[in-house]
Amino acid sequence: MRVAKSIIKYILIFLFVFLGASFFFSVVGGDVLWNYGFCYALSMGEIPYLDFNMIITPFFPFLMSLFFRLFSHNIIVFYIVNSYLVTIMFHFIFKLFDYKGWLIFIFLFFPLPAVLFPSYNLFLIFLVVILLYLERNNGNDYLIGFILGIAILTKQTVGFFLCLPSLYYLCKDYKKVLRRISSCLVLCLIFLIYLILTGSFMNFLDLCLFGMFDFTTGNGRLLSPVFLFSAFLFIFLIYRIIKDKRNIWNYYCLAFFSIVLPLFDINHFLYFLFIFIFLFLDDIKIRKKELYLCSIFFTCIYVVLFFITNVGFNITYPNHYNNFEIRFMHNSNGEFEIRDKINSFIKKNKNKEIVLLSSEAYFYKITNNMKITYFDLLNKGNSGYNGTKKMIDRVKKLPDETLFIISYDEYAKEDKLNRQQINKDIMKYVIDNGEEIERYEGFRIYKMK
């Protein structure tokens, strides 16, 4: 009976995550689209850093691309695998906190259900949960080092900081430290060999190390409410460590604070907050019955919000977009009509070089089974050191007959809060030096003069 209840519990969690991320929230864009695009590109045989740009280490895209190769690179596979990972993560959460793990489940409703969406950041949370579990249960040091190595190969900055607690906290037990370092370095060495064999080592350094200077100056906004609250929690963690130096969880949480840097936006802050609340679950006093009632209440609220926020947006399901067919999508304000026109133009000119300068470039490329390029993730700081100049140089080297599809609405949009990441300088160069040959609502087609 107890096993049956446990199985039902995990089935419900899987369904909640899958339905919540795939259907309850119909937005397809931003980090979800780009994360999916990385995995799609790898499944198409492209080489990261060489054929397309990303500023993270590639473990998560490689992992997902394996499932794409086994099944298909339809986005629904992306959500299914993500739901399994979150379900496994909750298995460890319940191992750590027993029924109080449902408090974490409730957190997925409020304040940010976007924590559910598949991304390398969510995968990092998955890894941190496993690390906390292993530390509490005196896990094998080689295994801990292996997980730390995967963290480095998932997002190099956060992974590096997650290694620091082992070096500092266990500094007096050099044998434990060496065991962890050895298995961590093996993974890093394998990755280094891969970079050298594929000829992408210098590109990796440019995008993931030197390009961080451009990323830091081109994104984020200091003195925002998120920045101020983040600073407060950072100081609180320092205070907590001073008061309780023997709890390695404090050090891991402080290390995971690095996920907020340098953007200080609400999404990355709430990824951090997800781990931060782990520090207090042991001390919270709540009865099972009360917690279960809260879970049911928030589930009901969640369903009501789904209908309020989605039904009125003219959802189309299933839709006719290749690789997105069984994903809820908005069809309001003529969005489908505009997308269809752009896709029709791409198909009509499939024998020509086409460059999409839009935050939705990945969508159009994946819909048309095209390969991903450096132009398709046009965010500031995502093109290496002095990236704007490099991307303009790439434009200059393109064939004369290249067609540029520019999201003019994004280009013309005022950026009052400094949160629009797209690099408008590259758009401006094409507009200033090109000739407009066609126009659709929100998009303009250019050809270089």
Protein backbone atom coordinates (compact mmCIF):
# COMPACT_ATOMS: atom_id res chain seq x y z
CA MET A 1 0.00 0.00 0.00
CA ARG A 2 2.80 2.39 0.91
CA VAL A 3 4.64 1.61 -2.35
CA ALA A 4 1.42 2.21 -4.33
CA LYS A 5 0.93 5.61 -2.66
CA SER A 6 4.53 6.53 -3.44
CA ILE A 7 4.09 5.59 -7.10
CA ILE A 8 0.87 7.61 -7.34
CA LYS A 9 2.63 10.58 -5.71
CA TYR A 10 5.40 10.60 -8.32
CA ILE A 11 2.97 10.09 -11.20
CA LEU A 12 1.02 13.14 -10.01
CA ILE A 13 4.20 15.21 -9.75
CA PHE A 14 5.27 14.15 -13.26
CA LEU A 15 1.86 15.04 -14.69
CA PHE A 16 1.79 18.37 -12.89
CA VAL A 17 5.22 19.37 -14.20
CA PHE A 18 4.54 18.12 -17.71
CA LEU A 19 1.08 19.66 -18.03
CA GLY A 20 2.09 22.86 -16.27
CA ALA A 21 5.13 23.55 -18.43
CA SER A 22 3.80 22.18 -21.72
CA PHE A 23 0.16 23.28 -21.71
CA PHE A 24 -0.82 25.54 -18.81
CA PHE A 25 1.65 28.19 -19.96
CA SER A 26 1.48 28.66 -23.69
CA VAL A 27 4.44 31.01 -24.17
CA VAL A 28 7.12 29.58 -26.48
CA GLY A 29 10.09 31.91 -26.40
CA GLY A 30 13.00 33.27 -24.38
CA ASP A 31 15.14 30.88 -22.38
CA VAL A 32 12.94 27.85 -23.09
CA LEU A 33 13.20 28.31 -26.86
CA TRP A 34 16.96 28.92 -26.73
CA ASN A 35 17.59 25.92 -24.46
CA TYR A 36 15.53 23.78 -26.80
CA GLY A 37 17.44 25.23 -29.74
CA PHE A 38 20.82 24.22 -28.30
CA CYS A 39 19.62 20.62 -27.95
CA TYR A 40 18.06 20.69 -31.41
CA ALA A 41 21.31 21.96 -32.97
CA LEU A 42 23.34 19.17 -31.37
CA SER A 43 20.81 16.58 -32.53
CA MET A 44 21.32 17.95 -36.06
CA GLY A 45 25.05 17.19 -35.80
CA GLU A 46 26.23 20.77 -35.24
CA ILE A 47 29.27 21.55 -33.10
CA PRO A 48 28.72 24.00 -30.23
CA TYR A 49 30.84 27.17 -30.25
CA LEU A 50 31.94 26.41 -33.81
CA ASP A 51 28.65 26.23 -35.72
CA PHE A 52 26.44 28.12 -33.28
CA ASN A 53 26.96 30.30 -30.22
CA MET A 54 26.12 29.64 -26.59
CA ILE A 55 27.80 30.91 -23.45
CA ILE A 56 27.47 27.81 -21.28
CA THR A 57 29.20 24.47 -21.15
CA PRO A 58 27.20 21.88 -23.11
CA PHE A 59 26.31 18.95 -20.83
CA PHE A 60 22.57 19.69 -20.65
CA PRO A 61 22.15 20.16 -24.44
CA PHE A 62 24.18 16.99 -25.07
CA LEU A 63 22.03 15.02 -22.63
CA MET A 64 18.79 16.19 -24.21
CA SER A 65 20.09 15.69 -27.75
CA LEU A 66 20.54 11.98 -26.98
CA PHE A 67 16.81 11.69 -26.38
CA PHE A 68 16.17 13.70 -29.54
CA ARG A 69 18.25 11.21 -31.49
CA LEU A 70 16.42 8.26 -29.91
CA PHE A 71 12.90 9.62 -30.44
CA SER A 72 12.58 12.92 -32.29
CA HIS A 73 13.57 16.53 -31.79
CA ASN A 74 9.96 17.59 -31.30
CA ILE A 75 9.74 20.01 -28.38
CA ILE A 76 7.36 17.67 -26.53
CA VAL A 77 10.28 15.23 -26.02
CA PHE A 78 12.11 18.11 -24.35
CA TYR A 79 9.24 18.56 -21.88
CA ILE A 80 8.81 14.85 -21.18
CA VAL A 81 12.48 14.35 -20.27
CA ASN A 82 12.42 17.52 -18.17
CA SER A 83 9.38 16.23 -16.28
CA TYR A 84 11.18 12.98 -15.48
CA LEU A 85 14.18 14.94 -14.16
CA VAL A 86 11.98 17.09 -11.91
CA THR A 87 10.20 13.97 -10.63
CA ILE A 88 13.56 12.36 -9.78
CA MET A 89 14.58 15.60 -8.08
CA PHE A 90 11.47 15.44 -5.89
CA HIS A 91 12.36 11.88 -4.93
CA PHE A 92 15.53 13.27 -3.33
CA ILE A 93 13.63 16.21 -1.84
CA PHE A 94 11.24 13.82 -0.08
CA LYS A 95 14.23 11.76 1.07
CA LEU A 96 15.64 14.93 2.65
CA PHE A 97 12.48 16.43 4.16
CA ASP A 98 9.85 13.69 4.15
CA TYR A 99 6.31 15.12 3.75
CA LYS A 100 7.64 18.69 4.14
CA GLY A 101 8.90 18.32 0.58
CA TRP A 102 5.37 19.30 -0.44
CA LEU A 103 6.27 22.84 0.61
CA ILE A 104 8.73 22.86 -2.29
CA PHE A 105 5.96 21.54 -4.51
CA ILE A 106 3.75 24.47 -3.48
CA PHE A 107 6.60 26.84 -4.32
CA LEU A 108 6.28 25.69 -7.94
CA PHE A 109 2.88 27.40 -8.03
CA PHE A 110 3.95 30.68 -6.48
CA PRO A 111 5.76 32.88 -7.03
CA LEU A 112 7.24 31.48 -10.25
CA PRO A 113 5.87 28.47 -12.11
CA ALA A 114 8.57 29.22 -14.71
CA VAL A 115 10.93 27.21 -12.47
CA LEU A 116 9.20 24.24 -14.14
CA PHE A 117 10.38 25.13 -17.61
CA PRO A 118 13.21 22.97 -19.03
CA SER A 119 16.57 24.72 -19.02
CA TYR A 120 20.16 24.23 -17.92
CA ASN A 121 19.32 26.36 -14.85
CA LEU A 122 16.65 23.90 -13.75
CA PHE A 123 19.10 21.06 -14.39
CA LEU A 124 21.58 22.85 -12.09
CA ILE A 125 18.92 22.89 -9.36
CA PHE A 126 18.53 19.15 -9.93
CA LEU A 127 22.29 18.69 -9.41
CA VAL A 128 22.36 20.88 -6.27
CA VAL A 129 19.53 18.85 -4.70
CA ILE A 130 21.54 15.66 -5.30
CA LEU A 131 24.64 17.30 -3.79
CA LEU A 132 22.72 18.33 -0.66
CA TYR A 133 21.37 14.80 -0.34
CA LEU A 134 24.83 13.25 -0.71
CA GLU A 135 26.39 15.65 1.80
CA ARG A 136 23.71 14.96 4.40
CA ASN A 137 24.13 11.19 3.96
CA ASN A 138 27.95 11.18 3.79
CA GLY A 139 27.88 10.15 0.16
CA ASN A 140 30.81 8.77 -1.81
CA ASP A 141 33.37 11.50 -2.49
CA TYR A 142 34.07 10.28 -6.02
CA LEU A 143 30.35 10.53 -6.77
CA ILE A 144 30.17 14.03 -5.29
CA GLY A 145 33.15 15.05 -7.42
CA PHE A 146 31.43 13.55 -10.46
CA ILE A 147 28.27 15.61 -9.80
CA LEU A 148 30.42 18.73 -9.35
CA GLY A 149 32.10 17.99 -12.67
CA ILE A 150 28.70 17.72 -14.37
CA ALA A 151 27.76 21.07 -12.77
CA ILE A 152 30.87 22.68 -14.31
CA LEU A 153 29.98 21.15 -17.68
CA THR A 154 26.41 22.48 -17.32
CA LYS A 155 27.20 26.10 -16.47
CA GLN A 156 30.87 26.81 -15.90
CA THR A 157 30.51 29.77 -13.54
CA VAL A 158 27.99 28.20 -11.18
CA GLY A 159 29.77 24.83 -11.33
CA PHE A 160 33.06 26.45 -10.34
CA PHE A 161 31.49 28.13 -7.32
CA LEU A 162 29.79 24.89 -6.28
CA CYS A 163 33.26 23.29 -6.08
CA LEU A 164 34.49 25.87 -3.56
CA PRO A 165 32.63 24.45 -0.52
CA SER A 166 34.51 21.16 -0.94
CA LEU A 167 37.85 22.95 -1.13
CA TYR A 168 37.15 25.24 1.84
CA TYR A 169 34.90 23.19 4.09
CA LEU A 170 36.92 19.99 3.76
CA CYS A 171 40.36 21.60 3.55
CA LYS A 172 41.61 19.70 6.62
CA ASP A 173 40.68 16.33 5.12
CA TYR A 174 42.86 16.44 2.00
CA LYS A 175 42.03 12.82 1.06
CA LYS A 176 38.32 13.64 0.69
CA VAL A 177 39.19 16.74 -1.29
CA LEU A 178 41.53 14.81 -3.62
CA ARG A 179 38.89 12.14 -4.27
CA ARG A 180 36.37 14.79 -5.23
CA ILE A 181 38.83 16.76 -7.36
CA SER A 182 40.03 13.66 -9.21
CA SER A 183 36.60 12.58 -10.49
CA CYS A 184 35.67 16.20 -11.25
CA LEU A 185 38.85 16.76 -13.26
CA VAL A 186 38.34 13.57 -15.28
CA LEU A 187 35.10 14.99 -16.68
CA CYS A 188 36.71 18.37 -17.35
CA LEU A 189 39.62 16.65 -19.13
CA ILE A 190 37.21 14.71 -21.37
CA PHE A 191 35.49 17.98 -22.28
CA LEU A 192 38.84 19.63 -23.01
CA ILE A 193 39.78 16.78 -25.35
CA TYR A 194 36.42 17.17 -27.10
CA LEU A 195 37.03 20.90 -27.62
CA ILE A 196 40.49 20.26 -29.05
CA LEU A 197 39.37 17.44 -31.37
CA THR A 198 36.46 19.52 -32.75
CA GLY A 199 38.63 22.61 -33.17
CA SER A 200 36.30 24.66 -30.98
CA PHE A 201 38.60 25.36 -28.03
CA MET A 202 39.36 29.01 -28.87
CA ASN A 203 35.73 29.67 -29.73
CA PHE A 204 34.74 28.21 -26.36
CA LEU A 205 37.14 30.52 -24.53
CA ASP A 206 35.89 33.50 -26.51
CA LEU A 207 32.19 32.82 -25.90
CA CYS A 208 32.26 31.39 -22.38
CA LEU A 209 35.15 33.29 -20.81
CA PHE A 210 36.26 36.45 -22.61
CA GLY A 211 32.73 37.17 -23.86
CA MET A 212 31.49 37.41 -20.28
CA PHE A 213 32.87 40.96 -20.16
CA ASP A 214 30.49 41.95 -22.97
CA PHE A 215 27.63 40.03 -21.36
CA THR A 216 28.12 41.72 -17.99
CA THR A 217 28.16 45.24 -19.42
CA GLY A 218 25.37 44.59 -21.93
CA ASN A 219 22.77 43.07 -19.63
CA GLY A 220 21.19 43.63 -16.26
CA ARG A 221 20.33 46.67 -14.23
CA LEU A 222 21.81 47.47 -10.85
CA LEU A 223 19.81 49.01 -8.01
CA SER A 224 16.66 47.23 -9.14
CA PRO A 225 14.39 45.69 -6.46
CA VAL A 226 15.72 42.22 -7.37
CA PHE A 227 19.31 43.40 -6.97
CA LEU A 228 18.60 44.95 -3.57
CA PHE A 229 16.76 41.86 -2.31
CA SER A 230 19.55 39.63 -3.66
CA ALA A 231 22.12 41.72 -1.80
CA PHE A 232 20.12 41.36 1.41
CA LEU A 233 19.98 37.54 1.08
CA PHE A 234 23.69 37.42 0.25
CA ILE A 235 24.53 39.32 3.45
CA PHE A 236 22.15 37.06 5.37
CA LEU A 237 23.95 33.97 4.07
CA ILE A 238 27.31 35.38 5.15
CA TYR A 239 25.85 36.01 8.61
CA ARG A 240 24.39 32.50 8.71
CA ILE A 241 27.76 30.96 7.81
CA ILE A 242 29.49 32.96 10.53
CA LYS A 243 26.92 31.68 13.03
CA ASP A 244 26.97 28.08 11.76
CA LYS A 245 30.31 27.27 10.14
CA ARG A 246 29.75 23.51 10.34
CA ASN A 247 26.77 23.31 7.99
CA ILE A 248 28.01 22.73 4.42
CA TRP A 249 24.52 23.45 3.07
CA ASN A 250 25.08 27.13 3.88
CA TYR A 251 28.19 27.13 1.71
CA TYR A 252 26.43 25.42 -1.19
CA CYS A 253 23.59 27.92 -1.02
CA LEU A 254 26.06 30.81 -1.04
CA ALA A 255 27.84 29.24 -4.02
CA PHE A 256 24.54 28.83 -5.86
CA PHE A 257 23.93 32.55 -5.43
CA SER A 258 26.22 32.89 -8.47
CA ILE A 259 23.26 31.88 -10.68
CA VAL A 260 21.83 35.36 -10.10
CA LEU A 261 24.93 37.04 -11.53
CA PRO A 262 25.18 39.29 -13.50
CA LEU A 263 21.55 39.71 -14.63
CA PHE A 264 19.80 40.11 -11.27
CA ASP A 265 16.49 39.37 -12.97
CA ILE A 266 13.45 37.77 -11.36
CA ASN A 267 13.86 34.40 -13.10
CA HIS A 268 17.43 33.77 -11.96
CA PHE A 269 16.70 35.14 -8.52
CA LEU A 270 13.86 32.66 -8.04
CA TYR A 271 16.08 29.77 -9.17
CA PHE A 272 18.33 30.77 -6.27
CA LEU A 273 15.37 31.20 -3.90
CA PHE A 274 14.27 27.65 -4.70
CA ILE A 275 17.47 26.34 -3.07
CA PHE A 276 17.59 29.04 -0.39
CA ILE A 277 14.35 27.85 1.24
CA PHE A 278 15.91 24.41 1.76
CA LEU A 279 17.89 25.91 4.64
CA PHE A 280 14.71 26.41 6.67
CA LEU A 281 12.58 23.36 5.93
CA ASP A 282 13.98 21.29 8.80
CA ASP A 283 12.87 23.95 11.30
CA ILE A 284 9.38 24.50 9.93
CA LYS A 285 6.64 22.97 12.07
CA ILE A 286 3.62 21.91 10.05
CA ARG A 287 1.34 18.88 10.23
CA LYS A 288 0.79 16.53 7.30
CA LYS A 289 -2.93 17.24 7.09
CA GLU A 290 -2.40 21.01 6.94
CA LEU A 291 0.27 20.63 4.29
CA TYR A 292 -1.83 18.35 2.10
CA LEU A 293 -4.76 20.76 2.33
CA CYS A 294 -2.46 23.61 1.27
CA SER A 295 -1.25 21.56 -1.69
CA ILE A 296 -4.82 20.86 -2.81
CA PHE A 297 -5.76 24.53 -2.36
CA PHE A 298 -2.86 25.80 -4.46
CA THR A 299 -3.55 23.16 -7.11
CA CYS A 300 -7.09 24.49 -7.45
CA ILE A 301 -5.84 28.08 -7.61
CA TYR A 302 -3.35 27.04 -10.27
CA VAL A 303 -6.05 25.47 -12.46
CA VAL A 304 -8.26 28.55 -12.10
CA LEU A 305 -5.36 30.81 -13.11
CA PHE A 306 -4.73 28.57 -16.10
CA PHE A 307 -8.22 29.18 -17.43
CA ILE A 308 -8.09 32.90 -16.66
CA THR A 309 -4.71 33.49 -18.30
CA ASN A 310 -4.87 31.05 -21.21
CA VAL A 311 -8.39 30.36 -22.40
CA GLY A 312 -8.93 33.99 -23.33
CA PHE A 313 -5.78 34.03 -25.47
CA ASN A 314 -7.20 31.94 -28.32
CA ILE A 315 -5.02 28.88 -27.80
CA THR A 316 -4.51 26.63 -30.82
CA TYR A 317 -3.94 22.95 -30.13
CA PRO A 318 -2.65 21.03 -31.92
CA ASN A 319 -0.99 23.55 -34.23
CA HIS A 320 0.58 23.14 -37.67
CA TYR A 321 4.16 24.15 -36.85
CA ASN A 322 6.74 21.45 -37.45
CA ASN A 323 8.34 20.24 -34.16
CA PHE A 324 5.84 22.31 -32.15
CA GLU A 325 2.61 20.54 -33.15
CA ILE A 326 1.63 19.26 -29.70
CA ARG A 327 2.63 22.32 -27.71
CA PHE A 328 0.03 24.90 -26.63
CA MET A 329 0.64 28.18 -28.45
CA HIS A 330 -0.98 31.59 -28.48
CA ASN A 331 -2.91 32.50 -31.61
CA SER A 332 -3.87 36.05 -30.69
CA ASN A 333 -3.25 39.38 -32.43
CA GLY A 334 -2.61 37.61 -35.71
CA GLU A 335 0.50 35.80 -34.42
CA PHE A 336 -0.09 32.67 -36.49
CA GLU A 337 -0.77 34.69 -39.63
CA ILE A 338 2.51 36.59 -39.25
CA ARG A 339 4.49 33.41 -38.52
CA ASP A 340 2.92 31.69 -41.52
CA LYS A 341 3.94 34.55 -43.80
CA ILE A 342 7.54 34.43 -42.56
CA ASN A 343 7.65 30.65 -42.95
CA SER A 344 6.20 30.95 -46.44
CA PHE A 345 8.89 33.48 -47.36
CA ILE A 346 11.61 31.17 -45.98
CA LYS A 347 10.30 28.19 -47.98
CA LYS A 348 10.03 30.29 -51.13
CA ASN A 349 13.68 31.36 -50.77
CA LYS A 350 15.09 28.09 -49.39
CA ASN A 351 17.92 28.10 -51.97
CA LYS A 352 19.20 31.45 -50.70
CA GLU A 353 21.15 32.36 -47.58
CA ILE A 354 18.64 33.64 -45.00
CA VAL A 355 19.56 35.42 -41.78
CA LEU A 356 16.90 35.98 -39.11
CA LEU A 357 17.52 38.87 -36.75
CA SER A 358 14.83 38.21 -34.17
CA SER A 359 14.46 36.78 -30.67
CA GLU A 360 12.25 34.12 -32.33
CA ALA A 361 14.89 33.09 -34.87
CA TYR A 362 15.23 29.65 -33.25
CA PHE A 363 11.50 29.07 -33.71
CA TYR A 364 11.63 29.74 -37.44
CA LYS A 365 14.81 27.72 -37.92
CA ILE A 366 13.48 24.70 -36.01
CA THR A 367 10.08 24.91 -37.69
CA ASN A 368 11.81 24.68 -41.07
CA ASN A 369 14.37 22.04 -40.02
CA MET A 370 17.20 24.48 -40.68
CA LYS A 371 20.54 24.53 -38.90
CA ILE A 372 21.23 27.03 -36.11
CA THR A 373 23.86 29.73 -36.69
CA TYR A 374 25.58 32.50 -34.74
CA PHE A 375 22.95 35.00 -35.93
CA ASP A 376 20.05 33.11 -34.36
CA LEU A 377 20.90 33.98 -30.74
CA LEU A 378 21.45 37.69 -31.13
CA ASN A 379 21.48 38.59 -27.44
CA LYS A 380 24.02 41.06 -26.12
CA GLY A 381 27.15 39.34 -24.87
CA ASN A 382 26.40 36.06 -26.64
CA SER A 383 28.89 36.54 -29.46
CA GLY A 384 32.21 36.56 -27.63
CA TYR A 385 34.53 39.42 -26.70
CA ASN A 386 33.79 42.58 -28.71
CA GLY A 387 30.95 40.53 -30.13
CA THR A 388 29.07 43.29 -31.94
CA LYS A 389 32.05 44.03 -34.18
CA LYS A 390 32.57 40.31 -34.82
CA MET A 391 28.94 39.83 -35.82
CA ILE A 392 29.02 42.84 -38.15
CA ASP A 393 32.17 41.35 -39.73
CA ARG A 394 30.20 38.11 -40.22
CA VAL A 395 27.48 40.10 -41.98
CA LYS A 396 30.07 41.64 -44.31
CA LYS A 397 31.37 38.18 -45.29
CA LEU A 398 27.95 36.82 -46.27
CA PRO A 399 27.08 36.35 -49.96
CA ASP A 400 25.62 39.36 -51.75
CA GLU A 401 22.29 37.60 -52.27
CA THR A 402 21.77 37.01 -48.52
CA LEU A 403 18.31 37.95 -47.28
CA PHE A 404 17.89 39.45 -43.81
CA ILE A 405 14.56 39.04 -42.01
CA ILE A 406 14.48 41.65 -39.24
CA SER A 407 11.94 41.81 -36.43
CA TYR A 408 11.38 45.52 -36.80
CA ASP A 409 9.00 45.68 -33.85
CA GLU A 410 11.83 44.50 -31.58
CA TYR A 411 14.24 46.95 -33.15
CA ALA A 412 11.88 49.91 -32.71
CA LYS A 413 10.80 48.96 -29.20
CA GLU A 414 11.99 51.37 -26.53
CA ASP A 415 14.10 49.74 -23.84
CA LYS A 416 13.23 51.84 -20.81
CA LEU A 417 14.07 49.16 -18.22
CA ASN A 418 17.28 47.99 -19.97
CA ARG A 419 15.98 44.43 -20.00
CA GLN A 420 15.68 43.84 -23.75
CA GLN A 421 18.65 41.62 -24.52
CA ILE A 422 18.61 41.62 -28.33
CA ASN A 423 21.60 43.33 -29.95
CA LYS A 424 20.06 46.20 -31.91
CA ASP A 425 23.44 47.42 -33.21
CA ILE A 426 23.63 44.50 -35.63
CA MET A 427 20.06 45.14 -36.76
CA LYS A 428 20.90 48.81 -37.26
CA TYR A 429 23.93 47.97 -39.39
CA VAL A 430 21.80 45.89 -41.77
CA ILE A 431 19.04 48.52 -41.89
CA ASP A 432 21.52 51.35 -42.56
CA ASN A 433 23.52 49.44 -45.18
CA GLY A 434 20.77 47.35 -46.75
CA GLU A 435 17.81 47.86 -49.02
CA GLU A 436 14.31 46.99 -47.88
CA ILE A 437 12.72 44.66 -50.43
CA GLU A 438 9.62 43.41 -48.64
CA ARG A 439 7.59 44.12 -45.52
CA TYR A 440 5.29 42.13 -43.28
CA GLU A 441 3.53 43.24 -40.12
CA GLY A 442 6.31 43.46 -37.53
CA PHE A 443 9.00 42.19 -39.94
CA ARG A 444 11.04 43.72 -42.75
CA ILE A 445 13.17 41.95 -45.36
CA TYR A 446 16.51 43.48 -46.36
CA LYS A 447 19.18 42.79 -48.92
CA MET A 448 22.61 44.39 -48.72
CA LYS A 449 23.21 47.19 -51.24
